[in-house]
Amino acid sequence: MAKGILKVKAKVSGEKTKVKLMAKHIMESGLRKDKKTGELIPAKFLQELKIMHAGKEVFVANLGTAVSKNPYFAFNFAGGASGDELTMTWVENTGETATETAKVK
């Protein structure tokens, strides 16, 4: 899986920051069969998604095979300012991992 799978909109609203995030990922459970070959399609899903702001965790999700393709998350956290940066780290069940960043508006 290549870097750049996360699409993020983060905006300060009053004393909190609102974050909307979509992970462009197939989230394959490992239970489906390929229609042509009949073989099981190997599992490939996000196991963990962690969002950090100013060195502090503001969101952590432990995911599994029951999560749909291209999962969407929305959450708020206290604080934040326009121009701040969110650091987002994801881990896949295959062991692949990446870190991405997004600016708060």
N, C-alpha and C. Protein backbone atom coordinates (compact mmCIF):
# COMPACT_ATOMS: atom_id res chain seq x y z
N MET A 1 0.87 -1.17 0.00
CA MET A 1 0.00 0.00 0.00
C MET A 1 0.91 1.23 0.00
N ALA A 2 0.64 2.13 -0.85
CA ALA A 2 1.46 3.34 -1.00
C ALA A 2 1.09 4.38 0.04
N LYS A 3 2.02 5.28 0.29
CA LYS A 3 1.73 6.41 1.16
C LYS A 3 0.64 7.26 0.52
N GLY A 4 0.01 8.07 1.34
CA GLY A 4 -0.99 8.98 0.81
C GLY A 4 -2.38 8.37 0.73
N ILE A 5 -2.72 7.44 1.62
CA ILE A 5 -4.04 6.82 1.57
C ILE A 5 -5.07 7.60 2.38
N LEU A 6 -4.63 8.55 3.20
CA LEU A 6 -5.54 9.28 4.08
C LEU A 6 -5.92 10.64 3.49
N LYS A 7 -7.22 10.89 3.45
CA LYS A 7 -7.73 12.21 3.03
C LYS A 7 -8.33 12.84 4.28
N VAL A 8 -7.84 14.05 4.62
CA VAL A 8 -8.20 14.66 5.89
C VAL A 8 -8.67 16.10 5.70
N LYS A 9 -9.72 16.45 6.45
CA LYS A 9 -10.15 17.84 6.59
C LYS A 9 -10.18 18.11 8.08
N ALA A 10 -9.39 19.06 8.52
CA ALA A 10 -9.33 19.43 9.93
C ALA A 10 -9.52 20.94 10.03
N LYS A 11 -10.46 21.35 10.87
CA LYS A 11 -10.80 22.77 10.97
C LYS A 11 -11.06 23.14 12.42
N VAL A 12 -10.50 24.27 12.83
CA VAL A 12 -10.72 24.78 14.18
C VAL A 12 -12.11 25.40 14.23
N SER A 13 -12.84 25.07 15.29
CA SER A 13 -14.18 25.61 15.50
C SER A 13 -14.31 25.91 16.99
N GLY A 14 -14.22 27.18 17.32
CA GLY A 14 -14.26 27.57 18.74
C GLY A 14 -13.01 27.08 19.45
N GLU A 15 -13.21 26.30 20.52
CA GLU A 15 -12.08 25.80 21.30
C GLU A 15 -11.73 24.35 20.96
N LYS A 16 -12.28 23.85 19.86
CA LYS A 16 -11.96 22.48 19.48
C LYS A 16 -11.65 22.40 17.99
N THR A 17 -11.03 21.29 17.62
CA THR A 17 -10.71 21.02 16.22
C THR A 17 -11.57 19.86 15.77
N LYS A 18 -12.25 20.04 14.64
CA LYS A 18 -13.08 19.00 14.05
C LYS A 18 -12.29 18.34 12.94
N VAL A 19 -12.23 17.02 12.98
CA VAL A 19 -11.46 16.26 11.99
C VAL A 19 -12.38 15.28 11.27
N LYS A 20 -12.28 15.25 9.95
CA LYS A 20 -12.97 14.26 9.12
C LYS A 20 -11.88 13.57 8.31
N LEU A 21 -11.90 12.24 8.32
CA LEU A 21 -10.82 11.49 7.71
C LEU A 21 -11.37 10.27 6.97
N MET A 22 -10.88 10.04 5.77
CA MET A 22 -11.21 8.83 5.04
C MET A 22 -9.91 8.13 4.66
N ALA A 23 -9.88 6.83 4.90
CA ALA A 23 -8.72 6.03 4.51
C ALA A 23 -9.07 5.27 3.23
N LYS A 24 -8.37 5.55 2.15
CA LYS A 24 -8.61 4.85 0.89
C LYS A 24 -7.87 3.52 0.96
N HIS A 25 -8.61 2.47 1.32
CA HIS A 25 -8.01 1.16 1.55
C HIS A 25 -9.04 0.06 1.25
N ILE A 26 -8.57 -1.06 0.71
CA ILE A 26 -9.49 -2.14 0.32
C ILE A 26 -10.08 -2.89 1.51
N MET A 27 -9.41 -2.90 2.64
CA MET A 27 -9.90 -3.56 3.86
C MET A 27 -10.41 -4.97 3.55
N GLU A 28 -9.56 -5.79 2.97
CA GLU A 28 -9.92 -7.16 2.60
C GLU A 28 -9.83 -8.08 3.82
N SER A 29 -10.91 -8.81 4.09
CA SER A 29 -11.01 -9.64 5.30
C SER A 29 -10.26 -10.96 5.23
N GLY A 30 -10.01 -11.44 4.03
CA GLY A 30 -9.38 -12.75 3.89
C GLY A 30 -10.40 -13.88 3.82
N LEU A 31 -11.68 -13.54 3.82
CA LEU A 31 -12.73 -14.55 3.79
C LEU A 31 -13.43 -14.65 2.43
N ARG A 32 -13.20 -13.68 1.56
CA ARG A 32 -13.84 -13.71 0.24
C ARG A 32 -13.01 -14.54 -0.73
N LYS A 33 -13.71 -15.10 -1.71
CA LYS A 33 -13.03 -15.86 -2.76
C LYS A 33 -13.00 -15.04 -4.06
N ASP A 34 -11.91 -15.21 -4.80
CA ASP A 34 -11.80 -14.59 -6.12
C ASP A 34 -12.83 -15.26 -7.03
N LYS A 35 -13.61 -14.47 -7.75
CA LYS A 35 -14.68 -15.01 -8.61
C LYS A 35 -14.13 -15.86 -9.75
N LYS A 36 -12.96 -15.53 -10.25
CA LYS A 36 -12.40 -16.26 -11.39
C LYS A 36 -11.71 -17.56 -10.97
N THR A 37 -10.90 -17.49 -9.91
CA THR A 37 -10.09 -18.65 -9.54
C THR A 37 -10.70 -19.48 -8.41
N GLY A 38 -11.57 -18.88 -7.62
CA GLY A 38 -12.14 -19.59 -6.46
C GLY A 38 -11.21 -19.60 -5.26
N GLU A 39 -10.04 -19.00 -5.41
CA GLU A 39 -9.06 -18.94 -4.31
C GLU A 39 -9.45 -17.83 -3.33
N LEU A 40 -9.10 -18.04 -2.06
CA LEU A 40 -9.33 -16.98 -1.06
C LEU A 40 -8.45 -15.78 -1.36
N ILE A 41 -9.02 -14.61 -1.23
CA ILE A 41 -8.26 -13.37 -1.39
C ILE A 41 -7.57 -13.11 -0.04
N PRO A 42 -6.26 -12.93 -0.02
CA PRO A 42 -5.55 -12.74 1.25
C PRO A 42 -6.04 -11.51 2.02
N ALA A 43 -6.02 -11.62 3.33
CA ALA A 43 -6.41 -10.51 4.20
C ALA A 43 -5.43 -9.35 4.03
N LYS A 44 -5.98 -8.14 3.96
CA LYS A 44 -5.17 -6.93 3.89
C LYS A 44 -6.04 -5.80 4.41
N PHE A 45 -5.81 -5.44 5.66
CA PHE A 45 -6.64 -4.42 6.30
C PHE A 45 -5.82 -3.57 7.26
N LEU A 46 -6.31 -2.38 7.54
CA LEU A 46 -5.67 -1.50 8.52
C LEU A 46 -5.94 -2.05 9.91
N GLN A 47 -4.88 -2.20 10.70
CA GLN A 47 -5.03 -2.67 12.07
C GLN A 47 -5.09 -1.51 13.06
N GLU A 48 -4.34 -0.47 12.77
CA GLU A 48 -4.29 0.65 13.71
C GLU A 48 -4.17 1.96 12.95
N LEU A 49 -4.85 2.96 13.48
CA LEU A 49 -4.77 4.32 12.97
C LEU A 49 -4.59 5.23 14.17
N LYS A 50 -3.51 6.01 14.17
CA LYS A 50 -3.21 6.88 15.30
C LYS A 50 -3.01 8.31 14.79
N ILE A 51 -3.69 9.27 15.44
CA ILE A 51 -3.58 10.68 15.08
C ILE A 51 -2.96 11.43 16.26
N MET A 52 -1.92 12.21 15.96
CA MET A 52 -1.22 12.99 16.98
C MET A 52 -1.31 14.48 16.65
N HIS A 53 -1.44 15.29 17.69
CA HIS A 53 -1.41 16.74 17.54
C HIS A 53 -0.52 17.29 18.64
N ALA A 54 0.48 18.05 18.28
CA ALA A 54 1.41 18.66 19.24
C ALA A 54 2.00 17.61 20.19
N GLY A 55 2.33 16.43 19.64
CA GLY A 55 2.97 15.38 20.43
C GLY A 55 2.03 14.57 21.30
N LYS A 56 0.74 14.81 21.22
CA LYS A 56 -0.23 14.07 22.04
C LYS A 56 -1.19 13.29 21.15
N GLU A 57 -1.55 12.08 21.59
CA GLU A 57 -2.54 11.29 20.87
C GLU A 57 -3.91 11.94 21.02
N VAL A 58 -4.59 12.18 19.91
CA VAL A 58 -5.94 12.72 19.97
C VAL A 58 -6.97 11.73 19.45
N PHE A 59 -6.50 10.66 18.78
CA PHE A 59 -7.40 9.65 18.25
C PHE A 59 -6.61 8.38 17.98
N VAL A 60 -7.14 7.23 18.44
CA VAL A 60 -6.55 5.94 18.14
C VAL A 60 -7.68 4.98 17.80
N ALA A 61 -7.55 4.26 16.70
CA ALA A 61 -8.53 3.25 16.32
C ALA A 61 -7.81 1.93 16.10
N ASN A 62 -8.31 0.88 16.74
CA ASN A 62 -7.84 -0.48 16.50
C ASN A 62 -8.88 -1.15 15.62
N LEU A 63 -8.49 -1.45 14.40
CA LEU A 63 -9.43 -1.92 13.39
C LEU A 63 -9.23 -3.41 13.11
N GLY A 64 -10.22 -4.00 12.45
CA GLY A 64 -10.15 -5.42 12.11
C GLY A 64 -10.85 -5.69 10.80
N THR A 65 -11.15 -6.95 10.57
CA THR A 65 -11.71 -7.40 9.30
C THR A 65 -13.15 -6.97 9.09
N ALA A 66 -13.86 -6.57 10.12
CA ALA A 66 -15.27 -6.19 9.98
C ALA A 66 -15.46 -4.75 9.51
N VAL A 67 -14.39 -4.00 9.33
CA VAL A 67 -14.49 -2.61 8.89
C VAL A 67 -14.56 -2.56 7.37
N SER A 68 -15.47 -1.74 6.86
CA SER A 68 -15.71 -1.68 5.42
C SER A 68 -14.56 -1.03 4.65
N LYS A 69 -14.60 -1.22 3.35
CA LYS A 69 -13.66 -0.60 2.42
C LYS A 69 -13.74 0.93 2.57
N ASN A 70 -12.60 1.60 2.45
CA ASN A 70 -12.51 3.07 2.55
C ASN A 70 -13.20 3.61 3.80
N PRO A 71 -12.75 3.19 4.99
CA PRO A 71 -13.42 3.64 6.22
C PRO A 71 -13.33 5.15 6.44
N TYR A 72 -14.39 5.69 7.04
CA TYR A 72 -14.52 7.12 7.32
C TYR A 72 -14.59 7.31 8.83
N PHE A 73 -13.87 8.31 9.33
CA PHE A 73 -13.86 8.63 10.76
C PHE A 73 -14.09 10.13 10.92
N ALA A 74 -14.80 10.50 11.97
CA ALA A 74 -14.99 11.91 12.31
C ALA A 74 -14.86 12.03 13.82
N PHE A 75 -14.09 12.99 14.27
CA PHE A 75 -13.90 13.20 15.71
C PHE A 75 -13.49 14.64 15.97
N ASN A 76 -13.61 15.04 17.23
CA ASN A 76 -13.20 16.37 17.69
C ASN A 76 -12.16 16.19 18.78
N PHE A 77 -11.30 17.19 18.92
CA PHE A 77 -10.42 17.21 20.08
C PHE A 77 -10.26 18.65 20.56
N ALA A 78 -10.00 18.80 21.84
CA ALA A 78 -9.86 20.12 22.45
C ALA A 78 -8.56 20.76 22.00
N GLY A 79 -8.63 22.05 21.68
CA GLY A 79 -7.44 22.80 21.28
C GLY A 79 -7.22 22.79 19.79
N GLY A 80 -6.01 23.13 19.42
CA GLY A 80 -5.65 23.22 18.01
C GLY A 80 -5.78 24.65 17.52
N ALA A 81 -5.00 24.95 16.51
CA ALA A 81 -5.04 26.28 15.90
C ALA A 81 -4.79 26.14 14.41
N SER A 82 -5.26 27.09 13.67
CA SER A 82 -5.06 27.10 12.23
C SER A 82 -3.56 27.06 11.93
N GLY A 83 -3.16 26.20 11.04
CA GLY A 83 -1.75 26.06 10.68
C GLY A 83 -1.06 24.93 11.42
N ASP A 84 -1.67 24.41 12.50
CA ASP A 84 -1.09 23.27 13.21
C ASP A 84 -1.04 22.06 12.28
N GLU A 85 -0.25 21.08 12.68
CA GLU A 85 -0.12 19.88 11.86
C GLU A 85 -0.57 18.64 12.63
N LEU A 86 -1.30 17.78 11.96
CA LEU A 86 -1.68 16.48 12.50
C LEU A 86 -0.73 15.44 11.90
N THR A 87 -0.26 14.53 12.74
CA THR A 87 0.58 13.43 12.28
C THR A 87 -0.23 12.16 12.40
N MET A 88 -0.39 11.46 11.29
CA MET A 88 -1.24 10.28 11.25
C MET A 88 -0.41 9.06 10.86
N THR A 89 -0.48 8.02 11.69
CA THR A 89 0.27 6.80 11.44
C THR A 89 -0.71 5.65 11.30
N TRP A 90 -0.53 4.84 10.26
CA TRP A 90 -1.37 3.66 10.10
C TRP A 90 -0.49 2.42 9.99
N VAL A 91 -1.07 1.30 10.46
CA VAL A 91 -0.38 0.01 10.42
C VAL A 91 -1.33 -1.00 9.79
N GLU A 92 -0.83 -1.74 8.82
CA GLU A 92 -1.62 -2.74 8.12
C GLU A 92 -1.29 -4.12 8.71
N ASN A 93 -2.21 -5.08 8.57
CA ASN A 93 -1.97 -6.42 9.08
C ASN A 93 -0.78 -7.11 8.39
N THR A 94 -0.40 -6.63 7.22
CA THR A 94 0.75 -7.19 6.50
C THR A 94 2.08 -6.71 7.07
N GLY A 95 2.01 -5.76 8.00
CA GLY A 95 3.23 -5.20 8.58
C GLY A 95 3.61 -3.86 7.98
N GLU A 96 2.99 -3.51 6.87
CA GLU A 96 3.29 -2.22 6.25
C GLU A 96 2.78 -1.10 7.14
N THR A 97 3.51 -0.01 7.17
CA THR A 97 3.15 1.14 7.98
C THR A 97 3.59 2.41 7.26
N ALA A 98 2.91 3.51 7.58
CA ALA A 98 3.30 4.80 6.99
C ALA A 98 2.84 5.91 7.91
N THR A 99 3.46 7.06 7.77
CA THR A 99 3.08 8.25 8.50
C THR A 99 2.79 9.36 7.50
N GLU A 100 1.67 10.03 7.72
CA GLU A 100 1.26 11.12 6.85
C GLU A 100 0.96 12.34 7.71
N THR A 101 0.93 13.51 7.10
CA THR A 101 0.62 14.72 7.84
C THR A 101 -0.48 15.50 7.14
N ALA A 102 -1.17 16.34 7.91
CA ALA A 102 -2.22 17.20 7.36
C ALA A 102 -2.24 18.48 8.18
N LYS A 103 -2.52 19.59 7.52
CA LYS A 103 -2.62 20.90 8.19
C LYS A 103 -4.04 21.15 8.69
N VAL A 104 -4.12 21.82 9.83
CA VAL A 104 -5.41 22.26 10.37
C VAL A 104 -5.70 23.61 9.77
N LYS A 105 -6.95 23.82 9.34
CA LYS A 105 -7.37 25.11 8.78
C LYS A 105 -8.12 25.92 9.79
